[in-house]
Amino acid sequence: MHVPTNTIERHPYWDRAMHWLIALGFILAGLSGLAFFHPSVFFLANFFGGGTWARILHPFFGVFMFVFFTIYGLKVWHHNVIDQKDKEWLAKAGEVMAGREEGIPEAGRYNAGQKVLFWLLALCMVGLLPTGIVFWRPYFADLFPIGLVRLSTLLHSLAAIGLILLVIGHVYMAIWTKGSIRAMTLGWVTRAWARKHHPAWYREMTR
């Protein structure tokens, strides 16, 4: 693949592959799970061969998503540790959204908003797996009291809603920040992009 001059690698190949595998798992698990969320969206089950197959496949899609998120998360978590500069960035997040970045603490590889998103996604993932296991039939549900199964179903739904909203926000911000989608598809960003959005990371990569 031709990489233009005056660019910096943002996401190596395997990071991009992990990201899109997680996205694939999210889409499959999301659509198959939403089919059972409300009768009005049950038609989504047709994408998986009907209600029975959607019910069977959904937890496997969820485990697929969780496994790849965990692998990716273990690789990048140390880039997402929130420090004092990030707290100052968050306090001025409104200025960033308005395009006024003067006086905003410089972002490293990830800005504070991206770091918060990462930990919220991780929290949703951690919530989805154990609650999903509790009412996963026919393998585990019979091992737990019915009250716990019902509570897990509710918590699982809430975690799923949270995850969906976070992903919608993530996609919106990726589109809003021009160049971000290219970074996750082709792997590189221009030096101007890096200098503008992640100046501390830019200096680290070019020193």
C-alpha atoms as a PDB file:
ATOM      1  CA  MET A   1       0.000   0.000   0.000  1.00  0.00           C
ATOM      2  CA  HIS A   2       1.317   3.439  -0.926  1.00  0.00           C
ATOM      3  CA  VAL A   3       1.814   5.669   2.109  1.00  0.00           C
ATOM      4  CA  PRO A   4       2.097   9.399   1.297  1.00  0.00           C
ATOM      5  CA  THR A   5       5.141  11.287   2.418  1.00  0.00           C
ATOM      6  CA  ASN A   6       4.887  13.638   5.384  1.00  0.00           C
ATOM      7  CA  THR A   7       2.719  11.178   7.340  1.00  0.00           C
ATOM      8  CA  ILE A   8       3.005   9.301  10.648  1.00  0.00           C
ATOM      9  CA  GLU A   9       1.820   5.806  11.458  1.00  0.00           C
ATOM     10  CA  ARG A  10      -1.132   6.116  13.828  1.00  0.00           C
ATOM     11  CA  HIS A  11      -2.416   2.544  14.092  1.00  0.00           C
ATOM     12  CA  PRO A  12      -0.278  -0.493  13.152  1.00  0.00           C
ATOM     13  CA  TYR A  13      -1.874  -3.244  11.096  1.00  0.00           C
ATOM     14  CA  TRP A  14      -2.697  -5.560  14.001  1.00  0.00           C
ATOM     15  CA  ASP A  15      -4.285  -2.737  16.001  1.00  0.00           C
ATOM     16  CA  ARG A  16      -6.507  -1.955  13.043  1.00  0.00           C
ATOM     17  CA  ALA A  17      -7.359  -5.623  12.564  1.00  0.00           C
ATOM     18  CA  MET A  18      -8.341  -5.931  16.234  1.00  0.00           C
ATOM     19  CA  HIS A  19     -10.439  -2.774  16.046  1.00  0.00           C
ATOM     20  CA  TRP A  20     -12.441  -4.029  13.068  1.00  0.00           C
ATOM     21  CA  LEU A  21     -12.874  -7.508  14.556  1.00  0.00           C
ATOM     22  CA  ILE A  22     -14.313  -5.857  17.674  1.00  0.00           C
ATOM     23  CA  ALA A  23     -16.569  -3.755  15.439  1.00  0.00           C
ATOM     24  CA  LEU A  24     -17.715  -6.891  13.597  1.00  0.00           C
ATOM     25  CA  GLY A  25     -18.502  -8.612  16.888  1.00  0.00           C
ATOM     26  CA  PHE A  26     -20.384  -5.549  18.087  1.00  0.00           C
ATOM     27  CA  ILE A  27     -22.548  -5.418  14.958  1.00  0.00           C
ATOM     28  CA  LEU A  28     -23.360  -9.126  15.054  1.00  0.00           C
ATOM     29  CA  ALA A  29     -24.016  -9.224  18.787  1.00  0.00           C
ATOM     30  CA  GLY A  30     -25.922  -5.945  18.673  1.00  0.00           C
ATOM     31  CA  LEU A  31     -28.276  -6.896  15.862  1.00  0.00           C
ATOM     32  CA  SER A  32     -28.939 -10.396  17.181  1.00  0.00           C
ATOM     33  CA  GLY A  33     -29.512  -9.064  20.706  1.00  0.00           C
ATOM     34  CA  LEU A  34     -31.746  -6.188  19.669  1.00  0.00           C
ATOM     35  CA  ALA A  35     -34.004  -8.704  17.929  1.00  0.00           C
ATOM     36  CA  PHE A  36     -35.151  -9.803  21.383  1.00  0.00           C
ATOM     37  CA  PHE A  37     -35.230  -6.367  22.968  1.00  0.00           C
ATOM     38  CA  HIS A  38     -38.637  -5.395  21.590  1.00  0.00           C
ATOM     39  CA  PRO A  39     -41.134  -7.054  19.215  1.00  0.00           C
ATOM     40  CA  SER A  40     -40.866  -4.120  16.791  1.00  0.00           C
ATOM     41  CA  VAL A  41     -37.245  -5.034  15.998  1.00  0.00           C
ATOM     42  CA  PHE A  42     -37.619  -8.805  16.028  1.00  0.00           C
ATOM     43  CA  PHE A  43     -37.276  -8.739  12.225  1.00  0.00           C
ATOM     44  CA  LEU A  44     -33.507  -8.368  12.815  1.00  0.00           C
ATOM     45  CA  ALA A  45     -33.480 -12.056  13.714  1.00  0.00           C
ATOM     46  CA  ASN A  46     -34.058 -12.800  10.032  1.00  0.00           C
ATOM     47  CA  PHE A  47     -30.449 -11.782   9.312  1.00  0.00           C
ATOM     48  CA  PHE A  48     -29.354 -14.801  11.343  1.00  0.00           C
ATOM     49  CA  GLY A  49     -31.795 -17.379  10.061  1.00  0.00           C
ATOM     50  CA  GLY A  50     -34.713 -16.651  12.390  1.00  0.00           C
ATOM     51  CA  GLY A  51     -35.363 -16.273  16.097  1.00  0.00           C
ATOM     52  CA  THR A  52     -33.947 -19.638  17.160  1.00  0.00           C
ATOM     53  CA  TRP A  53     -30.648 -19.134  15.408  1.00  0.00           C
ATOM     54  CA  ALA A  54     -30.378 -15.521  16.561  1.00  0.00           C
ATOM     55  CA  ARG A  55     -30.835 -16.694  20.170  1.00  0.00           C
ATOM     56  CA  ILE A  56     -28.226 -19.443  19.739  1.00  0.00           C
ATOM     57  CA  LEU A  57     -25.642 -17.259  17.984  1.00  0.00           C
ATOM     58  CA  HIS A  58     -25.989 -14.067  20.026  1.00  0.00           C
ATOM     59  CA  PRO A  59     -23.929 -15.160  23.069  1.00  0.00           C
ATOM     60  CA  PHE A  60     -21.177 -16.545  20.839  1.00  0.00           C
ATOM     61  CA  PHE A  61     -21.009 -13.216  19.010  1.00  0.00           C
ATOM     62  CA  GLY A  62     -20.774 -11.520  22.405  1.00  0.00           C
ATOM     63  CA  VAL A  63     -17.905 -13.722  23.546  1.00  0.00           C
ATOM     64  CA  PHE A  64     -16.157 -13.091  20.208  1.00  0.00           C
ATOM     65  CA  MET A  65     -16.421  -9.331  20.768  1.00  0.00           C
ATOM     66  CA  PHE A  66     -15.302  -9.584  24.407  1.00  0.00           C
ATOM     67  CA  VAL A  67     -12.237 -11.698  23.599  1.00  0.00           C
ATOM     68  CA  PHE A  68     -10.904  -9.342  20.942  1.00  0.00           C
ATOM     69  CA  PHE A  69     -11.688  -6.259  23.051  1.00  0.00           C
ATOM     70  CA  THR A  70      -9.733  -7.817  25.921  1.00  0.00           C
ATOM     71  CA  ILE A  71      -6.730  -8.578  23.689  1.00  0.00           C
ATOM     72  CA  TYR A  72      -6.785  -5.052  22.272  1.00  0.00           C
ATOM     73  CA  GLY A  73      -7.427  -3.489  25.673  1.00  0.00           C
ATOM     74  CA  LEU A  74      -4.449  -5.241  27.267  1.00  0.00           C
ATOM     75  CA  LYS A  75      -2.278  -3.825  24.507  1.00  0.00           C
ATOM     76  CA  VAL A  76      -3.383  -0.198  24.778  1.00  0.00           C
ATOM     77  CA  TRP A  77      -4.620   0.310  28.362  1.00  0.00           C
ATOM     78  CA  HIS A  78      -1.386   1.991  29.461  1.00  0.00           C
ATOM     79  CA  HIS A  79      -1.965   4.693  26.831  1.00  0.00           C
ATOM     80  CA  ASN A  80      -5.348   5.383  28.456  1.00  0.00           C
ATOM     81  CA  VAL A  81      -4.286   6.100  32.034  1.00  0.00           C
ATOM     82  CA  ILE A  82      -5.936   9.378  33.075  1.00  0.00           C
ATOM     83  CA  ASP A  83      -3.543  11.935  34.583  1.00  0.00           C
ATOM     84  CA  GLN A  84      -3.831  15.501  35.845  1.00  0.00           C
ATOM     85  CA  LYS A  85      -3.548  17.014  32.367  1.00  0.00           C
ATOM     86  CA  ASP A  86      -6.455  14.840  31.252  1.00  0.00           C
ATOM     87  CA  LYS A  87      -8.576  16.137  34.126  1.00  0.00           C
ATOM     88  CA  GLU A  88      -7.810  19.691  33.020  1.00  0.00           C
ATOM     89  CA  TRP A  89      -8.685  18.714  29.421  1.00  0.00           C
ATOM     90  CA  LEU A  90     -12.021  17.289  30.539  1.00  0.00           C
ATOM     91  CA  ALA A  91     -12.801  20.459  32.459  1.00  0.00           C
ATOM     92  CA  LYS A  92     -12.411  22.357  29.183  1.00  0.00           C
ATOM     93  CA  ALA A  93     -14.042  19.769  26.921  1.00  0.00           C
ATOM     94  CA  GLY A  94     -16.670  22.300  25.861  1.00  0.00           C
ATOM     95  CA  GLU A  95     -13.927  24.532  24.461  1.00  0.00           C
ATOM     96  CA  VAL A  96     -12.536  21.600  22.485  1.00  0.00           C
ATOM     97  CA  MET A  97     -15.962  20.774  21.062  1.00  0.00           C
ATOM     98  CA  ALA A  98     -16.337  24.398  20.003  1.00  0.00           C
ATOM     99  CA  GLY A  99     -12.994  24.256  18.186  1.00  0.00           C
ATOM    100  CA  ARG A 100     -11.255  26.604  20.621  1.00  0.00           C
ATOM    101  CA  GLU A 101      -8.186  24.616  21.640  1.00  0.00           C
ATOM    102  CA  GLU A 102      -5.995  27.487  22.830  1.00  0.00           C
ATOM    103  CA  GLY A 103      -4.915  26.865  26.418  1.00  0.00           C
ATOM    104  CA  ILE A 104      -6.104  23.253  26.346  1.00  0.00           C
ATOM    105  CA  PRO A 105      -3.568  20.756  27.785  1.00  0.00           C
ATOM    106  CA  GLU A 106      -1.771  18.998  24.966  1.00  0.00           C
ATOM    107  CA  ALA A 107      -3.020  15.511  24.151  1.00  0.00           C
ATOM    108  CA  GLY A 108      -0.690  12.541  23.931  1.00  0.00           C
ATOM    109  CA  ARG A 109      -1.480   9.432  21.910  1.00  0.00           C
ATOM    110  CA  TYR A 110      -5.087   9.675  23.105  1.00  0.00           C
ATOM    111  CA  ASN A 111      -6.889  12.708  24.466  1.00  0.00           C
ATOM    112  CA  ALA A 112      -8.861  12.624  27.700  1.00  0.00           C
ATOM    113  CA  GLY A 113     -12.176  12.093  25.922  1.00  0.00           C
ATOM    114  CA  GLN A 114     -10.821   9.022  24.149  1.00  0.00           C
ATOM    115  CA  LYS A 115      -9.459   7.690  27.431  1.00  0.00           C
ATOM    116  CA  VAL A 116     -12.796   8.080  29.196  1.00  0.00           C
ATOM    117  CA  LEU A 117     -14.481   6.353  26.270  1.00  0.00           C
ATOM    118  CA  PHE A 118     -12.046   3.439  26.521  1.00  0.00           C
ATOM    119  CA  TRP A 119     -12.748   2.866  30.222  1.00  0.00           C
ATOM    120  CA  LEU A 120     -16.511   3.199  29.778  1.00  0.00           C
ATOM    121  CA  LEU A 121     -16.406   0.671  26.948  1.00  0.00           C
ATOM    122  CA  ALA A 122     -14.363  -1.642  29.151  1.00  0.00           C
ATOM    123  CA  LEU A 123     -16.892  -1.224  31.969  1.00  0.00           C
ATOM    124  CA  CYS A 124     -19.755  -2.155  29.657  1.00  0.00           C
ATOM    125  CA  MET A 125     -17.843  -5.172  28.386  1.00  0.00           C
ATOM    126  CA  VAL A 126     -17.130  -6.352  31.926  1.00  0.00           C
ATOM    127  CA  GLY A 127     -20.812  -5.931  32.720  1.00  0.00           C
ATOM    128  CA  LEU A 128     -22.022  -7.773  29.632  1.00  0.00           C
ATOM    129  CA  LEU A 129     -19.995 -10.961  29.973  1.00  0.00           C
ATOM    130  CA  PRO A 130     -20.936 -12.207  33.482  1.00  0.00           C
ATOM    131  CA  THR A 131     -24.561 -11.108  33.209  1.00  0.00           C
ATOM    132  CA  GLY A 132     -24.851 -12.792  29.826  1.00  0.00           C
ATOM    133  CA  ILE A 133     -23.390 -16.035  31.159  1.00  0.00           C
ATOM    134  CA  VAL A 134     -25.944 -16.146  33.986  1.00  0.00           C
ATOM    135  CA  PHE A 135     -28.914 -16.424  31.597  1.00  0.00           C
ATOM    136  CA  TRP A 136     -27.136 -18.224  28.729  1.00  0.00           C
ATOM    137  CA  ARG A 137     -29.323 -21.210  27.894  1.00  0.00           C
ATOM    138  CA  PRO A 138     -28.927 -24.121  27.771  1.00  0.00           C
ATOM    139  CA  TYR A 139     -25.420 -23.983  29.221  1.00  0.00           C
ATOM    140  CA  PHE A 140     -25.455 -21.912  32.415  1.00  0.00           C
ATOM    141  CA  ALA A 141     -28.877 -20.476  33.242  1.00  0.00           C
ATOM    142  CA  ASP A 142     -30.031 -23.578  35.165  1.00  0.00           C
ATOM    143  CA  LEU A 143     -27.083 -23.188  37.543  1.00  0.00           C
ATOM    144  CA  PHE A 144     -28.421 -19.925  38.996  1.00  0.00           C
ATOM    145  CA  PRO A 145     -31.579 -18.998  40.945  1.00  0.00           C
ATOM    146  CA  ILE A 146     -34.325 -17.469  38.814  1.00  0.00           C
ATOM    147  CA  GLY A 147     -34.125 -14.157  40.663  1.00  0.00           C
ATOM    148  CA  LEU A 148     -30.455 -13.768  39.720  1.00  0.00           C
ATOM    149  CA  VAL A 149     -31.234 -14.746  36.134  1.00  0.00           C
ATOM    150  CA  ARG A 150     -33.887 -12.026  35.899  1.00  0.00           C
ATOM    151  CA  LEU A 151     -31.632  -9.417  37.496  1.00  0.00           C
ATOM    152  CA  SER A 152     -28.788 -10.361  35.132  1.00  0.00           C
ATOM    153  CA  THR A 153     -31.127 -10.006  32.156  1.00  0.00           C
ATOM    154  CA  LEU A 154     -31.951  -6.450  33.225  1.00  0.00           C
ATOM    155  CA  LEU A 155     -28.324  -5.503  33.918  1.00  0.00           C
ATOM    156  CA  HIS A 156     -27.228  -7.065  30.648  1.00  0.00           C
ATOM    157  CA  SER A 157     -29.765  -4.948  28.759  1.00  0.00           C
ATOM    158  CA  LEU A 158     -28.618  -1.773  30.513  1.00  0.00           C
ATOM    159  CA  ALA A 159     -24.960  -2.519  29.758  1.00  0.00           C
ATOM    160  CA  ALA A 160     -25.877  -3.233  26.121  1.00  0.00           C
ATOM    161  CA  ILE A 161     -27.736   0.079  25.816  1.00  0.00           C
ATOM    162  CA  GLY A 162     -24.748   1.865  27.335  1.00  0.00           C
ATOM    163  CA  LEU A 163     -22.381   0.164  24.897  1.00  0.00           C
ATOM    164  CA  ILE A 164     -24.537   1.037  21.891  1.00  0.00           C
ATOM    165  CA  LEU A 165     -24.740   4.700  22.911  1.00  0.00           C
ATOM    166  CA  LEU A 166     -20.986   4.857  23.479  1.00  0.00           C
ATOM    167  CA  VAL A 167     -20.268   3.329  20.077  1.00  0.00           C
ATOM    168  CA  ILE A 168     -22.653   5.785  18.400  1.00  0.00           C
ATOM    169  CA  GLY A 169     -20.765   8.617  20.099  1.00  0.00           C
ATOM    170  CA  HIS A 170     -17.448   7.076  19.079  1.00  0.00           C
ATOM    171  CA  VAL A 171     -18.487   6.852  15.424  1.00  0.00           C
ATOM    172  CA  TYR A 172     -19.823  10.412  15.475  1.00  0.00           C
ATOM    173  CA  MET A 173     -16.581  11.793  16.915  1.00  0.00           C
ATOM    174  CA  ALA A 174     -14.513   9.798  14.418  1.00  0.00           C
ATOM    175  CA  ILE A 175     -16.481  11.364  11.560  1.00  0.00           C
ATOM    176  CA  TRP A 176     -16.405  14.814  13.182  1.00  0.00           C
ATOM    177  CA  THR A 177     -12.604  14.706  13.565  1.00  0.00           C
ATOM    178  CA  LYS A 178     -11.598  14.595   9.917  1.00  0.00           C
ATOM    179  CA  GLY A 179      -8.774  12.135   9.316  1.00  0.00           C
ATOM    180  CA  SER A 180      -9.657   9.748  12.149  1.00  0.00           C
ATOM    181  CA  ILE A 181     -11.417   7.190   9.937  1.00  0.00           C
ATOM    182  CA  ARG A 182      -8.488   7.167   7.532  1.00  0.00           C
ATOM    183  CA  ALA A 183      -6.178   6.531  10.477  1.00  0.00           C
ATOM    184  CA  MET A 184      -8.122   3.402  11.435  1.00  0.00           C
ATOM    185  CA  THR A 185      -8.510   2.135   7.866  1.00  0.00           C
ATOM    186  CA  LEU A 186      -5.139   2.993   6.321  1.00  0.00           C
ATOM    187  CA  GLY A 187      -3.107   3.377   9.510  1.00  0.00           C
ATOM    188  CA  TRP A 188      -1.549   6.785   8.937  1.00  0.00           C
ATOM    189  CA  VAL A 189      -2.238  10.457   9.607  1.00  0.00           C
ATOM    190  CA  THR A 190      -0.669  13.590   8.231  1.00  0.00           C
ATOM    191  CA  ARG A 191       1.863  15.409  10.358  1.00  0.00           C
ATOM    192  CA  ALA A 192      -0.459  18.424  10.374  1.00  0.00           C
ATOM    193  CA  TRP A 193      -3.263  16.257  11.803  1.00  0.00           C
ATOM    194  CA  ALA A 194      -1.017  14.866  14.517  1.00  0.00           C
ATOM    195  CA  ARG A 195       0.338  18.316  15.366  1.00  0.00           C
ATOM    196  CA  LYS A 196      -3.181  19.753  15.688  1.00  0.00           C
ATOM    197  CA  HIS A 197      -4.986  16.982  17.574  1.00  0.00           C
ATOM    198  CA  HIS A 198      -2.218  15.182  19.506  1.00  0.00           C
ATOM    199  CA  PRO A 199       0.762  17.565  19.768  1.00  0.00           C
ATOM    200  CA  ALA A 200       2.490  15.743  22.645  1.00  0.00           C
ATOM    201  CA  TRP A 201       2.283  12.460  20.725  1.00  0.00           C
ATOM    202  CA  TYR A 202       3.489  14.219  17.567  1.00  0.00           C
ATOM    203  CA  ARG A 203       6.637  15.444  19.327  1.00  0.00           C
ATOM    204  CA  GLU A 204       7.236  11.970  20.726  1.00  0.00           C
ATOM    205  CA  MET A 205       6.971  10.415  17.265  1.00  0.00           C
ATOM    206  CA  THR A 206       9.152  12.977  15.497  1.00  0.00           C
ATOM    207  CA  ARG A 207      11.859  13.840  18.008  1.00  0.00           C
END
